[in-house]
């Protein structure tokens, strides 16, 4: 088991954001967390990343307890988060953004190899290598955010709402890239409001409601579940 989250509880003051959630990600999987706004999806990713402290429960990565580990150390251990809203460095070029993603790497040859791999998945970024991040389109910025995450060669990539604000055509392109990254061996934990796209792609999924896991199953199983369809797929 790559990632194992057990009985995780997180509170913001009096608000219980996560109420004893448990789930896991196996090596090579795409696992998705779906649910309405405020269900606790982003809080889950931020807690795994060490950005929000857990009140109780445990997060284990590759059999190591990382529940109280500093965010920077978690990055070095191989968990990389691509945040909601992209958060690229607008005043840096595409190349500089990618180099920032590889700040934990010490070998220039390895960094160059990662950049070449990224450009194979994102040829459009290669065309814009000297362009400032802030001048890219929304879709290109999302590509850059994912590519920057890939520069660290993650064992587990956490994606927070990668389709947000994108046209349907670009959403398909981004999800195609996510599938390609996974096929190259990167495990992915995906938080996504576009439940249909997420479940179509995922090996397994978990449905969150008000900080609790209320359903779990295979991606296709949840996609065709009448309750999921009624609540999240507009059926």
Foldseek 3Di string as FASTA:
>chain_A
DFKWWFQWWAADVVATQAGGATDGFDFLFEEEEEEDPSLNRQVVVCQLLQNGQTPDTFMDGPNHTCRNPHNVVSVLVFEFEQDPPRPFQQAAFLQVSLVVLQVVDDDPVLLVVLVVVLCVLVVVSVVRRRPGLNPDDPLVSLSSSVSSPCSNVGQEYEYEASCPPHDPVSVVSVLVSVLVVSVVGHYYYYYHLLLLSSLVRGQKYFYGGSNYTPDIDGSVVLNPDPVSCVRRVVD
